[in-house]
Amino acid sequence: MLAPLIRALSNPGDLLLDPFLGSGTTAVVARQLGRAYLGIKRDPRYLAMAERRITSIRERT
């Protein structure tokens, strides 16, 4: 559901800002679509979760 929005509103290589990173969904989809990302998160539990998800995508690509 997020991928069509990212494709429509950005180009490969663009930087996406997610000020509420959560579990990292936007960062994961951005990475899969060739976009850079910057996420902001205060809660260390969610930050660790997001880091694991993003790292798993990096390892697969």
PDB file of N, CA and C in Angstrom:
ATOM      1  N   MET A   1       0.812  -1.195   0.000  1.00  0.00           N
ATOM      2  CA  MET A   1       0.000   0.000   0.000  1.00  0.00           C
ATOM      3  C   MET A   1       0.860   1.265   0.000  1.00  0.00           C
ATOM      4  N   LEU A   2       2.007   1.215   0.636  1.00  0.00           N
ATOM      5  CA  LEU A   2       2.888   2.369   0.715  1.00  0.00           C
ATOM      6  C   LEU A   2       3.703   2.552  -0.565  1.00  0.00           C
ATOM      7  N   ALA A   3       4.066   1.467  -1.218  1.00  0.00           N
ATOM      8  CA  ALA A   3       4.912   1.538  -2.415  1.00  0.00           C
ATOM      9  C   ALA A   3       4.319   2.416  -3.517  1.00  0.00           C
ATOM     10  N   PRO A   4       3.029   2.314  -3.845  1.00  0.00           N
ATOM     11  CA  PRO A   4       2.491   3.182  -4.893  1.00  0.00           C
ATOM     12  C   PRO A   4       2.623   4.673  -4.551  1.00  0.00           C
ATOM     13  N   LEU A   5       2.454   5.029  -3.296  1.00  0.00           N
ATOM     14  CA  LEU A   5       2.609   6.431  -2.888  1.00  0.00           C
ATOM     15  C   LEU A   5       4.052   6.897  -3.058  1.00  0.00           C
ATOM     16  N   ILE A   6       4.976   6.073  -2.624  1.00  0.00           N
ATOM     17  CA  ILE A   6       6.383   6.443  -2.745  1.00  0.00           C
ATOM     18  C   ILE A   6       6.773   6.560  -4.210  1.00  0.00           C
ATOM     19  N   ARG A   7       6.320   5.635  -5.043  1.00  0.00           N
ATOM     20  CA  ARG A   7       6.609   5.709  -6.484  1.00  0.00           C
ATOM     21  C   ARG A   7       6.028   6.974  -7.107  1.00  0.00           C
ATOM     22  N   ALA A   8       4.813   7.323  -6.710  1.00  0.00           N
ATOM     23  CA  ALA A   8       4.128   8.468  -7.314  1.00  0.00           C
ATOM     24  C   ALA A   8       4.699   9.808  -6.856  1.00  0.00           C
ATOM     25  N   LEU A   9       5.201   9.859  -5.636  1.00  0.00           N
ATOM     26  CA  LEU A   9       5.599  11.143  -5.054  1.00  0.00           C
ATOM     27  C   LEU A   9       7.104  11.363  -4.971  1.00  0.00           C
ATOM     28  N   SER A  10       7.881  10.406  -5.479  1.00  0.00           N
ATOM     29  CA  SER A  10       9.338  10.560  -5.428  1.00  0.00           C
ATOM     30  C   SER A  10       9.974   9.825  -6.597  1.00  0.00           C
ATOM     31  N   ASN A  11      11.262  10.079  -6.767  1.00  0.00           N
ATOM     32  CA  ASN A  11      12.031   9.429  -7.825  1.00  0.00           C
ATOM     33  C   ASN A  11      13.160   8.621  -7.196  1.00  0.00           C
ATOM     34  N   PRO A  12      13.651   7.597  -7.907  1.00  0.00           N
ATOM     35  CA  PRO A  12      14.797   6.858  -7.385  1.00  0.00           C
ATOM     36  C   PRO A  12      15.936   7.823  -7.049  1.00  0.00           C
ATOM     37  N   GLY A  13      16.550   7.583  -5.903  1.00  0.00           N
ATOM     38  CA  GLY A  13      17.633   8.453  -5.441  1.00  0.00           C
ATOM     39  C   GLY A  13      17.175   9.584  -4.541  1.00  0.00           C
ATOM     40  N   ASP A  14      15.875   9.884  -4.518  1.00  0.00           N
ATOM     41  CA  ASP A  14      15.368  10.931  -3.631  1.00  0.00           C
ATOM     42  C   ASP A  14      15.523  10.510  -2.175  1.00  0.00           C
ATOM     43  N   LEU A  15      15.538  11.497  -1.292  1.00  0.00           N
ATOM     44  CA  LEU A  15      15.595  11.265   0.147  1.00  0.00           C
ATOM     45  C   LEU A  15      14.193  11.421   0.729  1.00  0.00           C
ATOM     46  N   LEU A  16      13.713  10.389   1.421  1.00  0.00           N
ATOM     47  CA  LEU A  16      12.410  10.439   2.077  1.00  0.00           C
ATOM     48  C   LEU A  16      12.616  10.654   3.573  1.00  0.00           C
ATOM     49  N   LEU A  17      11.847  11.551   4.134  1.00  0.00           N
ATOM     50  CA  LEU A  17      11.898  11.821   5.568  1.00  0.00           C
ATOM     51  C   LEU A  17      10.669  11.214   6.229  1.00  0.00           C
ATOM     52  N   ASP A  18      10.909  10.390   7.237  1.00  0.00           N
ATOM     53  CA  ASP A  18       9.822   9.822   8.026  1.00  0.00           C
ATOM     54  C   ASP A  18      10.034  10.285   9.469  1.00  0.00           C
ATOM     55  N   PRO A  19       9.326  11.341   9.888  1.00  0.00           N
ATOM     56  CA  PRO A  19       9.549  11.880  11.229  1.00  0.00           C
ATOM     57  C   PRO A  19       8.990  11.002  12.349  1.00  0.00           C
ATOM     58  N   PHE A  20       8.261   9.963  12.005  1.00  0.00           N
ATOM     59  CA  PHE A  20       7.703   9.027  12.986  1.00  0.00           C
ATOM     60  C   PHE A  20       8.022   7.618  12.515  1.00  0.00           C
ATOM     61  N   LEU A  21       9.277   7.218  12.583  1.00  0.00           N
ATOM     62  CA  LEU A  21       9.795   6.007  11.965  1.00  0.00           C
ATOM     63  C   LEU A  21       9.044   4.736  12.347  1.00  0.00           C
ATOM     64  N   GLY A  22       8.559   4.650  13.553  1.00  0.00           N
ATOM     65  CA  GLY A  22       7.839   3.445  13.962  1.00  0.00           C
ATOM     66  C   GLY A  22       8.710   2.217  13.804  1.00  0.00           C
ATOM     67  N   SER A  23       8.181   1.184  13.163  1.00  0.00           N
ATOM     68  CA  SER A  23       8.942  -0.056  12.990  1.00  0.00           C
ATOM     69  C   SER A  23       9.764  -0.060  11.703  1.00  0.00           C
ATOM     70  N   GLY A  24       9.773   1.047  10.968  1.00  0.00           N
ATOM     71  CA  GLY A  24      10.643   1.171   9.807  1.00  0.00           C
ATOM     72  C   GLY A  24      10.026   0.831   8.465  1.00  0.00           C
ATOM     73  N   THR A  25       8.720   0.735   8.390  1.00  0.00           N
ATOM     74  CA  THR A  25       8.074   0.350   7.133  1.00  0.00           C
ATOM     75  C   THR A  25       8.420   1.289   5.984  1.00  0.00           C
ATOM     76  N   THR A  26       8.353   2.587   6.219  1.00  0.00           N
ATOM     77  CA  THR A  26       8.671   3.537   5.155  1.00  0.00           C
ATOM     78  C   THR A  26      10.116   3.374   4.698  1.00  0.00           C
ATOM     79  N   ALA A  27      11.033   3.197   5.638  1.00  0.00           N
ATOM     80  CA  ALA A  27      12.441   3.017   5.290  1.00  0.00           C
ATOM     81  C   ALA A  27      12.652   1.750   4.470  1.00  0.00           C
ATOM     82  N   VAL A  28      11.992   0.680   4.841  1.00  0.00           N
ATOM     83  CA  VAL A  28      12.119  -0.586   4.115  1.00  0.00           C
ATOM     84  C   VAL A  28      11.618  -0.431   2.681  1.00  0.00           C
ATOM     85  N   VAL A  29      10.446   0.147   2.515  1.00  0.00           N
ATOM     86  CA  VAL A  29       9.880   0.316   1.172  1.00  0.00           C
ATOM     87  C   VAL A  29      10.728   1.296   0.365  1.00  0.00           C
ATOM     88  N   ALA A  30      11.179   2.368   0.989  1.00  0.00           N
ATOM     89  CA  ALA A  30      12.050   3.324   0.297  1.00  0.00           C
ATOM     90  C   ALA A  30      13.304   2.620  -0.210  1.00  0.00           C
ATOM     91  N   ARG A  31      13.897   1.835   0.624  1.00  0.00           N
ATOM     92  CA  ARG A  31      15.111   1.083   0.245  1.00  0.00           C
ATOM     93  C   ARG A  31      14.824   0.145  -0.925  1.00  0.00           C
ATOM     94  N   GLN A  32      13.729  -0.573  -0.862  1.00  0.00           N
ATOM     95  CA  GLN A  32      13.359  -1.499  -1.939  1.00  0.00           C
ATOM     96  C   GLN A  32      13.140  -0.771  -3.259  1.00  0.00           C
ATOM     97  N   LEU A  33      12.686   0.472  -3.192  1.00  0.00           N
ATOM     98  CA  LEU A  33      12.395   1.236  -4.405  1.00  0.00           C
ATOM     99  C   LEU A  33      13.546   2.157  -4.827  1.00  0.00           C
ATOM    100  N   GLY A  34      14.690   2.013  -4.181  1.00  0.00           N
ATOM    101  CA  GLY A  34      15.854   2.792  -4.583  1.00  0.00           C
ATOM    102  C   GLY A  34      15.872   4.222  -4.099  1.00  0.00           C
ATOM    103  N   ARG A  35      15.148   4.499  -3.035  1.00  0.00           N
ATOM    104  CA  ARG A  35      15.156   5.827  -2.428  1.00  0.00           C
ATOM    105  C   ARG A  35      15.998   5.791  -1.157  1.00  0.00           C
ATOM    106  N   ALA A  36      16.577   6.910  -0.799  1.00  0.00           N
ATOM    107  CA  ALA A  36      17.256   7.049   0.483  1.00  0.00           C
ATOM    108  C   ALA A  36      16.200   7.421   1.515  1.00  0.00           C
ATOM    109  N   TYR A  37      16.512   7.291   2.774  1.00  0.00           N
ATOM    110  CA  TYR A  37      15.520   7.588   3.806  1.00  0.00           C
ATOM    111  C   TYR A  37      16.209   8.152   5.039  1.00  0.00           C
ATOM    112  N   LEU A  38      15.455   8.918   5.772  1.00  0.00           N
ATOM    113  CA  LEU A  38      15.890   9.445   7.058  1.00  0.00           C
ATOM    114  C   LEU A  38      14.701   9.297   7.990  1.00  0.00           C
ATOM    115  N   GLY A  39      14.882   8.538   9.053  1.00  0.00           N
ATOM    116  CA  GLY A  39      13.800   8.320  10.003  1.00  0.00           C
ATOM    117  C   GLY A  39      14.161   8.841  11.367  1.00  0.00           C
ATOM    118  N   ILE A  40      13.170   9.321  12.084  1.00  0.00           N
ATOM    119  CA  ILE A  40      13.366   9.859  13.427  1.00  0.00           C
ATOM    120  C   ILE A  40      12.520   9.041  14.398  1.00  0.00           C
ATOM    121  N   LYS A  41      13.156   8.557  15.469  1.00  0.00           N
ATOM    122  CA  LYS A  41      12.442   7.743  16.448  1.00  0.00           C
ATOM    123  C   LYS A  41      13.036   7.979  17.820  1.00  0.00           C
ATOM    124  N   ARG A  42      12.193   8.177  18.809  1.00  0.00           N
ATOM    125  CA  ARG A  42      12.672   8.392  20.187  1.00  0.00           C
ATOM    126  C   ARG A  42      12.644   7.123  21.019  1.00  0.00           C
ATOM    127  N   ASP A  43      11.686   6.257  20.771  1.00  0.00           N
ATOM    128  CA  ASP A  43      11.527   5.050  21.586  1.00  0.00           C
ATOM    129  C   ASP A  43      12.571   4.005  21.183  1.00  0.00           C
ATOM    130  N   PRO A  44      13.499   3.665  22.072  1.00  0.00           N
ATOM    131  CA  PRO A  44      14.569   2.737  21.717  1.00  0.00           C
ATOM    132  C   PRO A  44      14.067   1.351  21.318  1.00  0.00           C
ATOM    133  N   ARG A  45      12.919   0.924  21.837  1.00  0.00           N
ATOM    134  CA  ARG A  45      12.391  -0.399  21.447  1.00  0.00           C
ATOM    135  C   ARG A  45      12.012  -0.417  19.981  1.00  0.00           C
ATOM    136  N   TYR A  46      11.327   0.626  19.532  1.00  0.00           N
ATOM    137  CA  TYR A  46      10.955   0.688  18.124  1.00  0.00           C
ATOM    138  C   TYR A  46      12.174   0.939  17.244  1.00  0.00           C
ATOM    139  N   LEU A  47      13.121   1.701  17.747  1.00  0.00           N
ATOM    140  CA  LEU A  47      14.335   1.954  16.980  1.00  0.00           C
ATOM    141  C   LEU A  47      15.073   0.644  16.708  1.00  0.00           C
ATOM    142  N   ALA A  48      15.197  -0.200  17.718  1.00  0.00           N
ATOM    143  CA  ALA A  48      15.854  -1.502  17.536  1.00  0.00           C
ATOM    144  C   ALA A  48      15.091  -2.355  16.525  1.00  0.00           C
ATOM    145  N   MET A  49      13.768  -2.339  16.597  1.00  0.00           N
ATOM    146  CA  MET A  49      12.948  -3.096  15.654  1.00  0.00           C
ATOM    147  C   MET A  49      13.162  -2.584  14.231  1.00  0.00           C
ATOM    148  N   ALA A  50      13.153  -1.282  14.068  1.00  0.00           N
ATOM    149  CA  ALA A  50      13.348  -0.692  12.742  1.00  0.00           C
ATOM    150  C   ALA A  50      14.733  -1.025  12.207  1.00  0.00           C
ATOM    151  N   GLU A  51      15.737  -0.937  13.040  1.00  0.00           N
ATOM    152  CA  GLU A  51      17.096  -1.255  12.605  1.00  0.00           C
ATOM    153  C   GLU A  51      17.198  -2.698  12.114  1.00  0.00           C
ATOM    154  N   ARG A  52      16.564  -3.629  12.822  1.00  0.00           N
ATOM    155  CA  ARG A  52      16.569  -5.039  12.384  1.00  0.00           C
ATOM    156  C   ARG A  52      15.896  -5.199  11.026  1.00  0.00           C
ATOM    157  N   ARG A  53      14.750  -4.566  10.859  1.00  0.00           N
ATOM    158  CA  ARG A  53      14.024  -4.677   9.580  1.00  0.00           C
ATOM    159  C   ARG A  53      14.832  -4.084   8.432  1.00  0.00           C
ATOM    160  N   ILE A  54      15.397  -2.908   8.639  1.00  0.00           N
ATOM    161  CA  ILE A  54      16.158  -2.237   7.588  1.00  0.00           C
ATOM    162  C   ILE A  54      17.412  -3.038   7.258  1.00  0.00           C
ATOM    163  N   THR A  55      18.084  -3.554   8.263  1.00  0.00           N
ATOM    164  CA  THR A  55      19.279  -4.360   8.036  1.00  0.00           C
ATOM    165  C   THR A  55      18.944  -5.616   7.235  1.00  0.00           C
ATOM    166  N   SER A  56      17.817  -6.234   7.523  1.00  0.00           N
ATOM    167  CA  SER A  56      17.451  -7.451   6.783  1.00  0.00           C
ATOM    168  C   SER A  56      17.226  -7.137   5.307  1.00  0.00           C
ATOM    169  N   ILE A  57      16.706  -5.970   4.988  1.00  0.00           N
ATOM    170  CA  ILE A  57      16.514  -5.576   3.591  1.00  0.00           C
ATOM    171  C   ILE A  57      17.872  -5.323   2.944  1.00  0.00           C
ATOM    172  N   ARG A  58      18.770  -4.654   3.649  1.00  0.00           N
ATOM    173  CA  ARG A  58      20.110  -4.387   3.107  1.00  0.00           C
ATOM    174  C   ARG A  58      20.825  -5.681   2.761  1.00  0.00           C
ATOM    175  N   GLU A  59      20.671  -6.698   3.590  1.00  0.00           N
ATOM    176  CA  GLU A  59      21.346  -7.971   3.365  1.00  0.00           C
ATOM    177  C   GLU A  59      20.774  -8.708   2.164  1.00  0.00           C
ATOM    178  N   ARG A  60      19.505  -8.503   1.869  1.00  0.00           N
ATOM    179  CA  ARG A  60      18.859  -9.186   0.736  1.00  0.00           C
ATOM    180  C   ARG A  60      19.099  -8.487  -0.587  1.00  0.00           C
ATOM    181  N   THR A  61      19.449  -7.184  -0.561  1.00  0.00           N
ATOM    182  CA  THR A  61      19.620  -6.448  -1.814  1.00  0.00           C
ATOM    183  C   THR A  61      21.055  -6.393  -2.246  1.00  0.00           C
TER     184      THR A  61
END
